[in-house]
Protein backbone atom coordinates (compact mmCIF):
# COMPACT_ATOMS: atom_id res chain seq x y z
CA MET A 1 -10.78 -1.67 19.84
CA THR A 2 -13.30 -4.69 18.66
CA LEU A 3 -14.69 -4.48 15.09
CA GLU A 4 -18.00 -3.48 16.78
CA ALA A 5 -16.68 -0.95 18.49
CA LEU A 6 -14.93 0.51 15.40
CA ARG A 7 -18.38 -0.06 13.51
CA GLU A 8 -19.92 1.86 16.52
CA ARG A 9 -17.56 4.92 16.15
CA VAL A 10 -18.24 4.98 12.59
CA LEU A 11 -21.74 5.06 12.64
CA TYR A 12 -21.48 7.86 15.48
CA GLN A 13 -19.36 10.36 13.01
CA THR A 14 -21.69 9.79 10.52
CA ASN A 15 -24.92 10.69 12.72
CA ASN A 16 -25.44 13.50 10.36
CA ASP A 17 -26.36 11.55 7.71
CA ALA A 18 -28.53 8.63 9.36
CA ASP A 19 -30.75 9.32 6.20
CA ASP A 20 -28.02 7.29 3.90
CA LEU A 21 -27.43 4.54 6.60
CA ASP A 22 -29.04 1.83 3.97
CA ASP A 23 -26.71 3.01 1.50
CA PHE A 24 -23.47 2.76 3.29
CA GLU A 25 -24.18 0.39 6.26
CA PRO A 26 -23.59 -2.64 4.23
CA HIS A 27 -19.87 -1.44 3.34
CA ILE A 28 -18.81 -0.24 6.87
CA THR A 29 -16.85 -3.27 7.99
CA ASP A 30 -15.02 -3.35 4.06
CA TYR A 31 -14.44 0.34 4.76
CA LEU A 32 -12.77 -0.87 8.31
CA ASN A 33 -10.68 -3.63 6.47
CA ILE A 34 -9.06 -0.97 4.15
CA GLY A 35 -8.20 1.28 6.84
CA TYR A 36 -7.24 -1.10 8.67
CA ASN A 37 -4.57 -2.36 6.26
CA LEU A 38 -3.13 0.54 5.55
CA LEU A 39 -2.74 1.24 9.22
CA LEU A 40 -1.27 -2.39 9.58
CA TYR A 41 1.11 -1.69 6.87
CA ALA A 42 2.44 1.57 7.99
CA TYR A 43 2.92 0.09 11.43
CA SER A 44 4.56 -3.39 10.36
CA HIS A 45 4.97 -3.83 6.87
CA ARG A 46 2.18 -6.73 6.96
CA HIS A 47 -1.13 -6.45 5.03
CA VAL A 48 -4.42 -7.91 6.08
CA GLY A 49 -5.39 -11.22 5.19
CA ALA A 50 -2.04 -12.74 5.53
CA ASP A 51 -1.90 -15.68 7.93
CA ASP A 52 -0.92 -13.80 10.68
CA ALA A 53 -3.53 -10.85 10.03
CA PRO A 54 -6.67 -11.77 9.17
CA PRO A 55 -9.23 -9.43 8.09
CA LEU A 56 -11.77 -8.16 10.83
CA ALA A 57 -15.13 -10.25 10.55
CA ASP A 58 -16.28 -11.28 13.97
CA PRO A 59 -17.91 -8.23 15.79
CA ALA A 60 -14.90 -9.30 18.85
CA ASP A 61 -12.11 -9.21 16.38
CA GLU A 62 -9.36 -6.35 17.59
CA PRO A 63 -6.87 -5.01 15.15
CA GLN A 64 -3.65 -6.20 15.60
CA VAL A 65 -1.79 -2.46 16.04
CA PRO A 66 -1.64 -0.70 19.42
CA GLU A 67 -4.90 0.65 20.42
CA ARG A 68 -3.30 4.26 20.27
CA TYR A 69 -3.59 3.99 16.61
CA GLN A 70 -7.01 2.10 16.26
CA SER A 71 -9.39 5.05 16.12
CA ALA A 72 -7.82 5.57 12.67
CA ILE A 73 -9.16 2.88 11.21
CA ALA A 74 -12.92 4.63 11.91
CA ASP A 75 -11.87 7.67 10.75
CA TRP A 76 -10.44 6.05 7.27
CA ALA A 77 -13.80 4.16 7.22
CA THR A 78 -15.85 7.58 7.56
CA TRP A 79 -13.47 9.24 4.95
CA MET A 80 -14.55 6.26 2.54
CA ILE A 81 -18.23 6.69 3.19
CA TYR A 82 -18.15 10.37 2.79
CA ARG A 83 -15.86 10.82 -0.01
CA ASN A 84 -18.72 8.86 -2.36
CA GLY A 85 -21.09 11.69 -1.59
CA ASN A 86 -21.69 14.88 -2.81
CA LEU A 87 -19.22 17.69 -2.64
CA GLN A 88 -20.29 18.87 1.07
CA LYS A 89 -20.03 15.44 2.29
CA GLN A 90 -16.58 15.44 0.57
CA GLN A 91 -15.90 17.97 2.19
CA ARG A 92 -17.34 16.86 5.52
CA GLY A 93 -15.14 13.43 5.16
CA GLN A 94 -11.51 15.54 4.85
CA GLN A 95 -11.05 16.05 8.38
CA PHE A 96 -11.52 12.23 9.19
CA ARG A 97 -9.00 11.69 6.01
CA TYR A 98 -6.69 14.03 7.73
CA ALA A 99 -6.81 12.93 11.05
CA ALA A 100 -6.51 8.81 9.58
CA GLU A 101 -3.41 9.98 7.78
CA GLN A 102 -1.53 11.75 10.47
CA VAL A 103 -1.77 8.21 12.61
CA PHE A 104 -0.66 6.48 9.56
CA ALA A 105 2.23 8.78 9.02
CA GLU A 106 3.16 8.79 13.15
CA ALA A 107 2.84 4.72 12.72
CA ARG A 108 5.33 4.31 10.10
CA ALA A 109 8.25 6.86 12.32
């Protein structure tokens, strides 16, 4: 899944909050790289930013983890967006946090 595909997934998952797009859109790539870092560390004990694991920056960049785990990166970014909102948004985001954490645990095993 490319960075562009991950961004599109986050935008799809947050479709109910299109009014807030201007607030969170500039941060999506940062949030995706945070999720990528968590997943990469769970999978291979490496961090994003190391010479062999650059952050996702170009729309065609792909995470260096198996594709079956990559949706967790978008789930974590969606959680990061919702966690900064009101209580209703935080509750909406919990499902994405839980889904990402499940994949992180699977990648660790």
